[in-house]
Amino acid sequence: MLILWDIDGTLLRTTHGVGREMYIRAFRSVLKADVTETVSSMSFAGRTDRSLVHEIGDAVGFTSDVVESAWPQIEQHMIEAAFELIRPDTTIALEGARQTLEMLSENGVAHALVTGNVETIGYHKLAMVGLDGFFEHGAFGGHHADRRLLPPIAIERYNTSRGTSFSTASAIIVGDAIGDVDCARAHDITSLAVTTGVQSA
């Protein structure tokens, strides 16, 4: 069995509005736009960083082409902000996360990530709470705006690296948001919705 884990709201949470601040800083630096008001009313649950960047850009008047062209620079500025803002004192592992990962690992269950985070940011968050050692593979919010495209990427990456033959039939997606359930349904993958996030998945 291969479990594909979401990060935010499933394994950990960040505090002090650090997620929103990453977007604010990135848009200010790259596109010289103040998106503070825009991000203050947005829901991030179950979304990918790339889709959120497009939605924010559209809300403040940028075309999709402009945002997509700026994406590499926006991503880099988000990473820089993440390393400054996401620290052990602004990141909290959710109760039971470590124990669950340890128990499953001891019983031969494989782990990978399917998360809306940009890859570097996702691993940085996990490192802040000491959970990064459980994960070496996954699919991330910088790969595609559409989260539904991520599960096959995560499975293929894991299989290629480990020489395994997991498929959608032998995978489970664990997450806290409607987007997690939707991306599982898109590939007939079993999903397990947890109640630790902001949505009733």
N, C-alpha and C. Protein backbone atom coordinates (compact mmCIF):
# COMPACT_ATOMS: atom_id res chain seq x y z
N MET A 1 0.84 -1.20 0.00
CA MET A 1 0.00 0.00 0.00
C MET A 1 0.87 1.25 0.00
N LEU A 2 0.48 2.22 -0.82
CA LEU A 2 1.16 3.51 -0.87
C LEU A 2 0.17 4.59 -0.43
N ILE A 3 0.50 5.27 0.65
CA ILE A 3 -0.35 6.36 1.12
C ILE A 3 0.21 7.68 0.60
N LEU A 4 -0.65 8.45 -0.03
CA LEU A 4 -0.30 9.76 -0.58
C LEU A 4 -0.85 10.83 0.37
N TRP A 5 0.05 11.53 1.02
CA TRP A 5 -0.32 12.44 2.09
C TRP A 5 -0.38 13.90 1.63
N ASP A 6 -1.43 14.58 2.06
CA ASP A 6 -1.46 16.03 2.04
C ASP A 6 -0.60 16.52 3.21
N ILE A 7 -0.22 17.80 3.19
CA ILE A 7 0.60 18.34 4.28
C ILE A 7 -0.22 19.25 5.19
N ASP A 8 -0.62 20.42 4.68
CA ASP A 8 -1.27 21.43 5.53
C ASP A 8 -2.66 20.98 5.96
N GLY A 9 -2.89 21.02 7.26
CA GLY A 9 -4.18 20.62 7.79
C GLY A 9 -4.31 19.12 7.98
N THR A 10 -3.34 18.37 7.47
CA THR A 10 -3.36 16.91 7.61
C THR A 10 -2.23 16.44 8.52
N LEU A 11 -1.02 16.91 8.25
CA LEU A 11 0.14 16.55 9.07
C LEU A 11 0.59 17.69 9.98
N LEU A 12 0.33 18.92 9.55
CA LEU A 12 0.80 20.08 10.31
C LEU A 12 -0.03 21.30 9.97
N ARG A 13 0.21 22.36 10.70
CA ARG A 13 -0.36 23.65 10.33
C ARG A 13 0.65 24.75 10.64
N THR A 14 0.56 25.83 9.89
CA THR A 14 1.41 26.99 10.15
C THR A 14 0.57 28.07 10.82
N THR A 15 1.24 28.98 11.50
CA THR A 15 0.55 30.02 12.26
C THR A 15 0.99 31.40 11.78
N HIS A 16 0.39 32.43 12.35
CA HIS A 16 0.77 33.82 12.10
C HIS A 16 0.58 34.25 10.64
N GLY A 17 -0.30 33.56 9.91
CA GLY A 17 -0.59 33.97 8.54
C GLY A 17 0.58 33.88 7.59
N VAL A 18 1.49 32.95 7.84
CA VAL A 18 2.71 32.90 7.03
C VAL A 18 2.43 32.53 5.58
N GLY A 19 1.41 31.69 5.35
CA GLY A 19 1.09 31.31 3.98
C GLY A 19 0.66 32.50 3.14
N ARG A 20 -0.22 33.31 3.68
CA ARG A 20 -0.68 34.49 2.96
C ARG A 20 0.46 35.49 2.73
N GLU A 21 1.31 35.61 3.71
CA GLU A 21 2.42 36.55 3.59
C GLU A 21 3.38 36.16 2.47
N MET A 22 3.53 34.87 2.21
CA MET A 22 4.40 34.44 1.10
C MET A 22 3.90 34.98 -0.23
N TYR A 23 2.59 34.90 -0.45
CA TYR A 23 2.01 35.40 -1.70
C TYR A 23 2.15 36.92 -1.78
N ILE A 24 1.90 37.59 -0.68
CA ILE A 24 1.99 39.05 -0.65
C ILE A 24 3.39 39.50 -1.04
N ARG A 25 4.39 38.88 -0.46
CA ARG A 25 5.77 39.27 -0.75
C ARG A 25 6.16 38.95 -2.18
N ALA A 26 5.73 37.79 -2.66
CA ALA A 26 6.11 37.38 -4.02
C ALA A 26 5.50 38.31 -5.07
N PHE A 27 4.22 38.64 -4.93
CA PHE A 27 3.58 39.53 -5.90
C PHE A 27 4.16 40.94 -5.82
N ARG A 28 4.48 41.38 -4.63
CA ARG A 28 5.07 42.71 -4.48
C ARG A 28 6.44 42.76 -5.17
N SER A 29 7.22 41.71 -5.02
CA SER A 29 8.57 41.70 -5.58
C SER A 29 8.59 41.53 -7.09
N VAL A 30 7.74 40.63 -7.60
CA VAL A 30 7.82 40.26 -9.02
C VAL A 30 6.93 41.12 -9.90
N LEU A 31 5.68 41.33 -9.49
CA LEU A 31 4.73 42.06 -10.33
C LEU A 31 4.38 43.44 -9.77
N LYS A 32 5.04 43.83 -8.69
CA LYS A 32 4.85 45.16 -8.10
C LYS A 32 3.38 45.40 -7.75
N ALA A 33 2.72 44.36 -7.28
CA ALA A 33 1.29 44.44 -6.97
C ALA A 33 1.07 44.17 -5.48
N ASP A 34 0.16 44.92 -4.89
CA ASP A 34 -0.23 44.70 -3.50
C ASP A 34 -1.46 43.80 -3.49
N VAL A 35 -1.29 42.57 -3.03
CA VAL A 35 -2.41 41.61 -3.04
C VAL A 35 -2.89 41.31 -1.63
N THR A 36 -2.56 42.18 -0.69
CA THR A 36 -2.91 41.94 0.72
C THR A 36 -4.40 41.73 0.90
N GLU A 37 -5.19 42.63 0.33
CA GLU A 37 -6.64 42.53 0.48
C GLU A 37 -7.18 41.29 -0.22
N THR A 38 -6.62 40.97 -1.37
CA THR A 38 -7.09 39.81 -2.14
C THR A 38 -6.89 38.52 -1.36
N VAL A 39 -5.70 38.30 -0.83
CA VAL A 39 -5.43 37.02 -0.16
C VAL A 39 -6.12 36.93 1.19
N SER A 40 -6.50 38.06 1.76
CA SER A 40 -7.11 38.03 3.09
C SER A 40 -8.45 37.33 3.09
N SER A 41 -9.12 37.28 1.94
CA SER A 41 -10.45 36.67 1.88
C SER A 41 -10.47 35.34 1.14
N MET A 42 -9.29 34.83 0.76
CA MET A 42 -9.23 33.59 -0.01
C MET A 42 -9.11 32.37 0.88
N SER A 43 -9.67 31.27 0.40
CA SER A 43 -9.48 29.98 1.06
C SER A 43 -8.38 29.22 0.32
N PHE A 44 -7.38 28.76 1.06
CA PHE A 44 -6.26 28.04 0.47
C PHE A 44 -6.42 26.53 0.54
N ALA A 45 -7.39 26.05 1.31
CA ALA A 45 -7.51 24.62 1.59
C ALA A 45 -7.71 23.81 0.32
N GLY A 46 -6.88 22.79 0.15
CA GLY A 46 -7.02 21.87 -0.98
C GLY A 46 -6.56 22.42 -2.31
N ARG A 47 -5.98 23.61 -2.32
CA ARG A 47 -5.55 24.26 -3.56
C ARG A 47 -4.06 24.05 -3.78
N THR A 48 -3.62 24.28 -5.01
CA THR A 48 -2.18 24.25 -5.28
C THR A 48 -1.65 25.68 -5.30
N ASP A 49 -0.38 25.82 -4.95
CA ASP A 49 0.23 27.15 -4.99
C ASP A 49 0.09 27.77 -6.37
N ARG A 50 0.25 26.97 -7.40
CA ARG A 50 0.20 27.50 -8.76
C ARG A 50 -1.20 28.00 -9.11
N SER A 51 -2.23 27.28 -8.70
CA SER A 51 -3.60 27.74 -8.98
C SER A 51 -3.93 29.00 -8.19
N LEU A 52 -3.44 29.08 -6.97
CA LEU A 52 -3.69 30.26 -6.15
C LEU A 52 -3.01 31.49 -6.73
N VAL A 53 -1.80 31.32 -7.24
CA VAL A 53 -1.09 32.44 -7.87
C VAL A 53 -1.88 32.95 -9.07
N HIS A 54 -2.44 32.05 -9.86
CA HIS A 54 -3.25 32.48 -11.00
C HIS A 54 -4.51 33.20 -10.54
N GLU A 55 -5.16 32.69 -9.51
CA GLU A 55 -6.38 33.34 -9.02
C GLU A 55 -6.09 34.73 -8.46
N ILE A 56 -5.00 34.83 -7.71
CA ILE A 56 -4.62 36.13 -7.16
C ILE A 56 -4.29 37.11 -8.29
N GLY A 57 -3.52 36.64 -9.25
CA GLY A 57 -3.16 37.49 -10.37
C GLY A 57 -4.36 37.99 -11.13
N ASP A 58 -5.32 37.09 -11.38
CA ASP A 58 -6.54 37.48 -12.08
C ASP A 58 -7.32 38.53 -11.29
N ALA A 59 -7.35 38.37 -9.97
CA ALA A 59 -8.12 39.28 -9.13
C ALA A 59 -7.57 40.70 -9.15
N VAL A 60 -6.27 40.83 -9.41
CA VAL A 60 -5.67 42.17 -9.41
C VAL A 60 -5.34 42.64 -10.83
N GLY A 61 -5.90 41.94 -11.84
CA GLY A 61 -5.87 42.47 -13.19
C GLY A 61 -4.81 41.94 -14.13
N PHE A 62 -4.11 40.86 -13.76
CA PHE A 62 -3.11 40.30 -14.65
C PHE A 62 -3.71 39.16 -15.47
N THR A 63 -3.32 39.06 -16.73
CA THR A 63 -3.79 37.96 -17.56
C THR A 63 -3.11 36.67 -17.14
N SER A 64 -3.71 35.55 -17.55
CA SER A 64 -3.14 34.25 -17.23
C SER A 64 -1.75 34.10 -17.84
N ASP A 65 -1.56 34.63 -19.04
CA ASP A 65 -0.25 34.54 -19.70
C ASP A 65 0.83 35.28 -18.92
N VAL A 66 0.47 36.45 -18.41
CA VAL A 66 1.44 37.23 -17.63
C VAL A 66 1.81 36.49 -16.35
N VAL A 67 0.81 35.95 -15.68
CA VAL A 67 1.07 35.23 -14.43
C VAL A 67 1.91 33.98 -14.69
N GLU A 68 1.56 33.25 -15.74
CA GLU A 68 2.31 32.02 -16.04
C GLU A 68 3.76 32.34 -16.40
N SER A 69 3.96 33.42 -17.13
CA SER A 69 5.32 33.83 -17.47
C SER A 69 6.12 34.21 -16.23
N ALA A 70 5.42 34.80 -15.26
CA ALA A 70 6.09 35.24 -14.03
C ALA A 70 6.22 34.13 -12.99
N TRP A 71 5.58 32.98 -13.25
CA TRP A 71 5.53 31.92 -12.25
C TRP A 71 6.91 31.51 -11.71
N PRO A 72 7.93 31.28 -12.54
CA PRO A 72 9.22 30.87 -11.96
C PRO A 72 9.78 31.87 -10.95
N GLN A 73 9.62 33.17 -11.25
CA GLN A 73 10.10 34.19 -10.32
C GLN A 73 9.24 34.26 -9.07
N ILE A 74 7.92 34.14 -9.25
CA ILE A 74 7.02 34.15 -8.09
C ILE A 74 7.33 32.96 -7.19
N GLU A 75 7.51 31.79 -7.80
CA GLU A 75 7.83 30.60 -7.02
C GLU A 75 9.10 30.80 -6.20
N GLN A 76 10.13 31.36 -6.82
CA GLN A 76 11.39 31.56 -6.12
C GLN A 76 11.23 32.53 -4.95
N HIS A 77 10.48 33.59 -5.16
CA HIS A 77 10.26 34.55 -4.07
C HIS A 77 9.41 33.95 -2.96
N MET A 78 8.48 33.07 -3.31
CA MET A 78 7.71 32.37 -2.28
C MET A 78 8.62 31.48 -1.45
N ILE A 79 9.54 30.80 -2.11
CA ILE A 79 10.48 29.93 -1.39
C ILE A 79 11.34 30.76 -0.44
N GLU A 80 11.83 31.88 -0.92
CA GLU A 80 12.66 32.74 -0.06
C GLU A 80 11.87 33.22 1.15
N ALA A 81 10.61 33.60 0.93
CA ALA A 81 9.77 34.04 2.04
C ALA A 81 9.49 32.89 3.01
N ALA A 82 9.28 31.70 2.45
CA ALA A 82 8.99 30.54 3.29
C ALA A 82 10.14 30.24 4.24
N PHE A 83 11.36 30.32 3.74
CA PHE A 83 12.51 30.02 4.59
C PHE A 83 12.69 31.06 5.69
N GLU A 84 12.19 32.26 5.47
CA GLU A 84 12.25 33.27 6.51
C GLU A 84 11.10 33.15 7.50
N LEU A 85 9.90 32.86 6.99
CA LEU A 85 8.70 32.92 7.81
C LEU A 85 8.33 31.60 8.48
N ILE A 86 8.60 30.49 7.81
CA ILE A 86 8.20 29.18 8.33
C ILE A 86 9.33 28.63 9.17
N ARG A 87 9.13 28.68 10.48
CA ARG A 87 10.14 28.29 11.45
C ARG A 87 9.52 27.32 12.45
N PRO A 88 10.33 26.72 13.31
CA PRO A 88 9.75 25.83 14.32
C PRO A 88 8.69 26.50 15.19
N ASP A 89 8.82 27.81 15.41
CA ASP A 89 7.85 28.49 16.26
C ASP A 89 6.60 28.93 15.51
N THR A 90 6.57 28.75 14.18
CA THR A 90 5.37 29.07 13.41
C THR A 90 4.78 27.84 12.73
N THR A 91 5.25 26.66 13.12
CA THR A 91 4.79 25.41 12.50
C THR A 91 4.50 24.40 13.60
N ILE A 92 3.34 23.76 13.52
CA ILE A 92 2.90 22.83 14.56
C ILE A 92 2.51 21.50 13.92
N ALA A 93 3.13 20.42 14.38
CA ALA A 93 2.71 19.09 13.93
C ALA A 93 1.37 18.76 14.57
N LEU A 94 0.46 18.22 13.79
CA LEU A 94 -0.85 17.88 14.34
C LEU A 94 -0.75 16.64 15.21
N GLU A 95 -1.60 16.60 16.21
CA GLU A 95 -1.56 15.52 17.19
C GLU A 95 -1.70 14.16 16.50
N GLY A 96 -0.79 13.27 16.81
CA GLY A 96 -0.84 11.91 16.29
C GLY A 96 -0.18 11.72 14.94
N ALA A 97 0.28 12.80 14.30
CA ALA A 97 0.86 12.67 12.96
C ALA A 97 2.11 11.78 12.98
N ARG A 98 3.04 12.09 13.86
CA ARG A 98 4.27 11.31 13.92
C ARG A 98 3.99 9.86 14.29
N GLN A 99 3.16 9.66 15.29
CA GLN A 99 2.87 8.30 15.73
C GLN A 99 2.22 7.48 14.62
N THR A 100 1.34 8.11 13.85
CA THR A 100 0.68 7.40 12.75
C THR A 100 1.68 7.02 11.67
N LEU A 101 2.54 7.95 11.30
CA LEU A 101 3.55 7.67 10.28
C LEU A 101 4.50 6.57 10.74
N GLU A 102 4.91 6.62 11.99
CA GLU A 102 5.81 5.60 12.52
C GLU A 102 5.16 4.23 12.52
N MET A 103 3.91 4.16 12.98
CA MET A 103 3.21 2.88 13.05
C MET A 103 3.03 2.28 11.66
N LEU A 104 2.62 3.10 10.71
CA LEU A 104 2.41 2.60 9.35
C LEU A 104 3.72 2.15 8.72
N SER A 105 4.78 2.91 8.94
CA SER A 105 6.09 2.55 8.39
C SER A 105 6.57 1.22 8.95
N GLU A 106 6.37 1.03 10.25
CA GLU A 106 6.78 -0.22 10.89
C GLU A 106 6.03 -1.42 10.34
N ASN A 107 4.85 -1.17 9.77
CA ASN A 107 4.04 -2.24 9.20
C ASN A 107 4.16 -2.33 7.68
N GLY A 108 5.20 -1.71 7.14
CA GLY A 108 5.52 -1.87 5.72
C GLY A 108 4.75 -0.99 4.76
N VAL A 109 4.04 0.01 5.28
CA VAL A 109 3.28 0.91 4.40
C VAL A 109 4.23 1.97 3.83
N ALA A 110 4.10 2.24 2.55
CA ALA A 110 4.94 3.23 1.88
C ALA A 110 4.25 4.60 1.91
N HIS A 111 5.06 5.66 1.91
CA HIS A 111 4.53 7.02 1.99
C HIS A 111 5.06 7.89 0.85
N ALA A 112 4.20 8.74 0.33
CA ALA A 112 4.60 9.79 -0.61
C ALA A 112 3.68 10.98 -0.37
N LEU A 113 3.97 12.07 -1.04
CA LEU A 113 3.21 13.30 -0.85
C LEU A 113 2.39 13.65 -2.08
N VAL A 114 1.18 14.13 -1.87
CA VAL A 114 0.41 14.83 -2.89
C VAL A 114 -0.09 16.10 -2.22
N THR A 115 0.54 17.20 -2.52
CA THR A 115 0.30 18.43 -1.78
C THR A 115 0.26 19.63 -2.70
N GLY A 116 -0.47 20.65 -2.29
CA GLY A 116 -0.53 21.87 -3.06
C GLY A 116 0.69 22.75 -2.92
N ASN A 117 1.56 22.42 -1.98
CA ASN A 117 2.78 23.19 -1.77
C ASN A 117 3.76 23.04 -2.93
N VAL A 118 4.49 24.10 -3.21
CA VAL A 118 5.70 23.97 -4.02
C VAL A 118 6.63 22.99 -3.30
N GLU A 119 7.37 22.19 -4.06
CA GLU A 119 8.15 21.10 -3.47
C GLU A 119 9.08 21.56 -2.35
N THR A 120 9.88 22.57 -2.61
CA THR A 120 10.84 23.03 -1.61
C THR A 120 10.14 23.51 -0.35
N ILE A 121 9.02 24.20 -0.52
CA ILE A 121 8.27 24.71 0.64
C ILE A 121 7.65 23.55 1.42
N GLY A 122 7.11 22.57 0.71
CA GLY A 122 6.51 21.43 1.39
C GLY A 122 7.49 20.70 2.27
N TYR A 123 8.67 20.40 1.73
CA TYR A 123 9.68 19.71 2.52
C TYR A 123 10.20 20.58 3.67
N HIS A 124 10.27 21.89 3.43
CA HIS A 124 10.71 22.79 4.50
C HIS A 124 9.72 22.77 5.66
N LYS A 125 8.43 22.81 5.36
CA LYS A 125 7.42 22.74 6.42
C LYS A 125 7.58 21.44 7.22
N LEU A 126 7.71 20.34 6.52
CA LEU A 126 7.86 19.05 7.21
C LEU A 126 9.11 19.02 8.08
N ALA A 127 10.19 19.63 7.59
CA ALA A 127 11.43 19.64 8.35
C ALA A 127 11.28 20.42 9.65
N MET A 128 10.45 21.46 9.64
CA MET A 128 10.28 22.28 10.83
C MET A 128 9.63 21.51 11.98
N VAL A 129 8.93 20.42 11.66
CA VAL A 129 8.32 19.61 12.72
C VAL A 129 8.90 18.19 12.75
N GLY A 130 10.01 17.99 12.04
CA GLY A 130 10.71 16.72 12.09
C GLY A 130 10.02 15.57 11.38
N LEU A 131 9.20 15.87 10.38
CA LEU A 131 8.49 14.81 9.65
C LEU A 131 9.04 14.58 8.25
N ASP A 132 10.04 15.34 7.86
CA ASP A 132 10.56 15.23 6.50
C ASP A 132 11.21 13.88 6.22
N GLY A 133 11.71 13.22 7.26
CA GLY A 133 12.38 11.94 7.06
C GLY A 133 11.47 10.81 6.61
N PHE A 134 10.17 11.01 6.71
CA PHE A 134 9.23 9.98 6.27
C PHE A 134 8.97 10.03 4.77
N PHE A 135 9.42 11.09 4.11
CA PHE A 135 9.04 11.31 2.71
C PHE A 135 10.25 11.62 1.84
N GLU A 136 10.32 10.93 0.70
CA GLU A 136 11.35 11.21 -0.29
C GLU A 136 10.76 11.52 -1.66
N HIS A 137 9.47 11.25 -1.83
CA HIS A 137 8.86 11.36 -3.16
C HIS A 137 7.48 12.00 -3.04
N GLY A 138 7.02 12.52 -4.17
CA GLY A 138 5.69 13.09 -4.19
C GLY A 138 5.43 13.92 -5.42
N ALA A 139 4.26 14.54 -5.44
CA ALA A 139 3.88 15.48 -6.49
C ALA A 139 3.40 16.74 -5.79
N PHE A 140 3.70 17.90 -6.40
CA PHE A 140 3.60 19.15 -5.66
C PHE A 140 2.87 20.23 -6.46
N GLY A 141 2.49 21.28 -5.73
CA GLY A 141 1.69 22.34 -6.31
C GLY A 141 2.39 23.22 -7.31
N GLY A 142 3.68 23.02 -7.51
CA GLY A 142 4.37 23.73 -8.57
C GLY A 142 4.35 22.97 -9.88
N HIS A 143 4.00 21.69 -9.83
CA HIS A 143 3.99 20.88 -11.05
C HIS A 143 2.80 21.22 -11.94
N HIS A 144 1.64 21.39 -11.33
CA HIS A 144 0.42 21.72 -12.08
C HIS A 144 -0.48 22.59 -11.21
N ALA A 145 -1.25 23.44 -11.86
CA ALA A 145 -2.26 24.20 -11.13
C ALA A 145 -3.39 23.29 -10.68
N ASP A 146 -3.70 22.27 -11.48
CA ASP A 146 -4.81 21.37 -11.21
C ASP A 146 -4.34 20.23 -10.32
N ARG A 147 -4.80 20.20 -9.09
CA ARG A 147 -4.39 19.18 -8.13
C ARG A 147 -4.75 17.77 -8.60
N ARG A 148 -5.79 17.66 -9.41
CA ARG A 148 -6.23 16.34 -9.87
C ARG A 148 -5.19 15.64 -10.73
N LEU A 149 -4.23 16.38 -11.26
CA LEU A 149 -3.19 15.78 -12.09
C LEU A 149 -2.02 15.23 -11.28
N LEU A 150 -2.01 15.47 -9.98
CA LEU A 150 -0.83 15.14 -9.18
C LEU A 150 -0.69 13.68 -8.75
N PRO A 151 -1.76 12.96 -8.39
CA PRO A 151 -1.56 11.60 -7.88
C PRO A 151 -0.77 10.67 -8.80
N PRO A 152 -1.06 10.61 -10.11
CA PRO A 152 -0.25 9.71 -10.95
C PRO A 152 1.23 10.08 -10.98
N ILE A 153 1.53 11.37 -10.87
CA ILE A 153 2.93 11.80 -10.84
C ILE A 153 3.61 11.26 -9.59
N ALA A 154 2.94 11.38 -8.46
CA ALA A 154 3.52 10.89 -7.20
C ALA A 154 3.76 9.39 -7.25
N ILE A 155 2.80 8.65 -7.77
CA ILE A 155 2.94 7.19 -7.85
C ILE A 155 4.09 6.81 -8.78
N GLU A 156 4.16 7.47 -9.93
CA GLU A 156 5.23 7.17 -10.89
C GLU A 156 6.60 7.49 -10.31
N ARG A 157 6.72 8.62 -9.64
CA ARG A 157 8.00 8.99 -9.03
C ARG A 157 8.43 7.96 -7.99
N TYR A 158 7.49 7.53 -7.18
CA TYR A 158 7.83 6.54 -6.15
C TYR A 158 8.27 5.23 -6.80
N ASN A 159 7.49 4.77 -7.76
CA ASN A 159 7.82 3.50 -8.42
C ASN A 159 9.17 3.55 -9.13
N THR A 160 9.44 4.65 -9.81
CA THR A 160 10.70 4.79 -10.54
C THR A 160 11.89 4.75 -9.59
N SER A 161 11.75 5.41 -8.45
CA SER A 161 12.85 5.48 -7.50
C SER A 161 13.05 4.17 -6.74
N ARG A 162 11.96 3.52 -6.39
CA ARG A 162 12.04 2.35 -5.51
C ARG A 162 11.92 1.02 -6.24
N GLY A 163 11.62 1.05 -7.52
CA GLY A 163 11.46 -0.20 -8.25
C GLY A 163 10.20 -0.95 -7.87
N THR A 164 9.19 -0.23 -7.42
CA THR A 164 7.93 -0.84 -7.02
C THR A 164 6.92 -0.75 -8.16
N SER A 165 5.74 -1.28 -7.93
CA SER A 165 4.71 -1.27 -8.98
C SER A 165 3.36 -0.86 -8.42
N PHE A 166 3.37 0.15 -7.56
CA PHE A 166 2.10 0.65 -7.04
C PHE A 166 1.28 1.26 -8.16
N SER A 167 -0.03 1.19 -8.01
CA SER A 167 -0.95 1.78 -8.98
C SER A 167 -2.01 2.56 -8.22
N THR A 168 -2.91 3.18 -8.95
CA THR A 168 -4.00 3.89 -8.28
C THR A 168 -4.84 2.94 -7.44
N ALA A 169 -4.88 1.67 -7.84
CA ALA A 169 -5.68 0.69 -7.10
C ALA A 169 -5.05 0.33 -5.75
N SER A 170 -3.74 0.56 -5.61
CA SER A 170 -3.07 0.20 -4.36
C SER A 170 -2.63 1.43 -3.58
N ALA A 171 -3.22 2.58 -3.92
CA ALA A 171 -2.89 3.83 -3.23
C ALA A 171 -4.09 4.35 -2.44
N ILE A 172 -3.80 5.15 -1.44
CA ILE A 172 -4.82 5.84 -0.66
C ILE A 172 -4.37 7.29 -0.51
N ILE A 173 -5.28 8.22 -0.69
CA ILE A 173 -4.98 9.63 -0.46
C ILE A 173 -5.56 10.05 0.88
N VAL A 174 -4.73 10.67 1.71
CA VAL A 174 -5.17 11.17 3.01
C VAL A 174 -5.06 12.69 3.00
N GLY A 175 -6.16 13.36 3.30
CA GLY A 175 -6.16 14.81 3.31
C GLY A 175 -7.32 15.37 4.09
N ASP A 176 -7.30 16.68 4.25
CA ASP A 176 -8.30 17.34 5.09
C ASP A 176 -9.30 18.18 4.31
N ALA A 177 -9.11 18.30 2.99
CA ALA A 177 -9.91 19.26 2.22
C ALA A 177 -10.66 18.58 1.08
N ILE A 178 -11.65 19.28 0.57
CA ILE A 178 -12.44 18.77 -0.55
C ILE A 178 -11.54 18.50 -1.75
N GLY A 179 -10.53 19.33 -1.95
CA GLY A 179 -9.61 19.13 -3.07
C GLY A 179 -8.87 17.82 -3.00
N ASP A 180 -8.58 17.34 -1.79
CA ASP A 180 -7.92 16.04 -1.64
C ASP A 180 -8.84 14.91 -2.09
N VAL A 181 -10.09 15.00 -1.69
CA VAL A 181 -11.06 13.98 -2.08
C VAL A 181 -11.30 14.02 -3.59
N ASP A 182 -11.39 15.21 -4.15
CA ASP A 182 -11.63 15.36 -5.59
C ASP A 182 -10.50 14.74 -6.41
N CYS A 183 -9.25 14.97 -5.99
CA CYS A 183 -8.15 14.44 -6.80
C CYS A 183 -8.07 12.92 -6.66
N ALA A 184 -8.56 12.38 -5.55
CA ALA A 184 -8.65 10.92 -5.42
C ALA A 184 -9.73 10.37 -6.34
N ARG A 185 -10.88 11.00 -6.34
CA ARG A 185 -12.00 10.54 -7.17
C ARG A 185 -11.65 10.59 -8.66
N ALA A 186 -10.83 11.55 -9.05
CA ALA A 186 -10.47 11.69 -10.46
C ALA A 186 -9.74 10.47 -11.00
N HIS A 187 -9.16 9.68 -10.08
CA HIS A 187 -8.39 8.50 -10.50
C HIS A 187 -8.90 7.22 -9.83
N ASP A 188 -10.10 7.28 -9.27
CA ASP A 188 -10.68 6.13 -8.56
C ASP A 188 -9.75 5.62 -7.46
N ILE A 189 -9.10 6.56 -6.78
CA ILE A 189 -8.24 6.21 -5.65
C ILE A 189 -9.06 6.33 -4.36
N THR A 190 -8.88 5.38 -3.48
CA THR A 190 -9.53 5.46 -2.18
C THR A 190 -9.01 6.69 -1.43
N SER A 191 -9.91 7.42 -0.78
CA SER A 191 -9.49 8.58 -0.01
C SER A 191 -9.92 8.44 1.44
N LEU A 192 -9.12 9.03 2.30
CA LEU A 192 -9.44 9.10 3.72
C LEU A 192 -9.42 10.56 4.12
N ALA A 193 -10.57 11.11 4.43
CA ALA A 193 -10.68 12.53 4.79
C ALA A 193 -10.59 12.67 6.30
N VAL A 194 -9.64 13.48 6.74
CA VAL A 194 -9.47 13.73 8.17
C VAL A 194 -10.13 15.05 8.54
N THR A 195 -10.40 15.24 9.81
CA THR A 195 -11.17 16.40 10.25
C THR A 195 -10.30 17.42 10.98
N THR A 196 -9.03 17.49 10.58
CA THR A 196 -8.09 18.37 11.27
C THR A 196 -7.90 19.70 10.54
N GLY A 197 -8.56 19.88 9.40
CA GLY A 197 -8.38 21.11 8.63
C GLY A 197 -9.53 22.07 8.81
N VAL A 198 -9.66 23.01 7.86
CA VAL A 198 -10.68 24.05 7.98
C VAL A 198 -11.95 23.70 7.21
N GLN A 199 -11.91 22.64 6.39
CA GLN A 199 -13.09 22.22 5.65
C GLN A 199 -13.61 20.91 6.21
N SER A 200 -14.88 20.64 5.95
CA SER A 200 -15.46 19.36 6.31
C SER A 200 -15.37 18.44 5.10
N ALA A 201 -14.16 17.87 4.90
CA ALA A 201 -13.91 17.04 3.72
C ALA A 201 -14.74 15.77 3.77
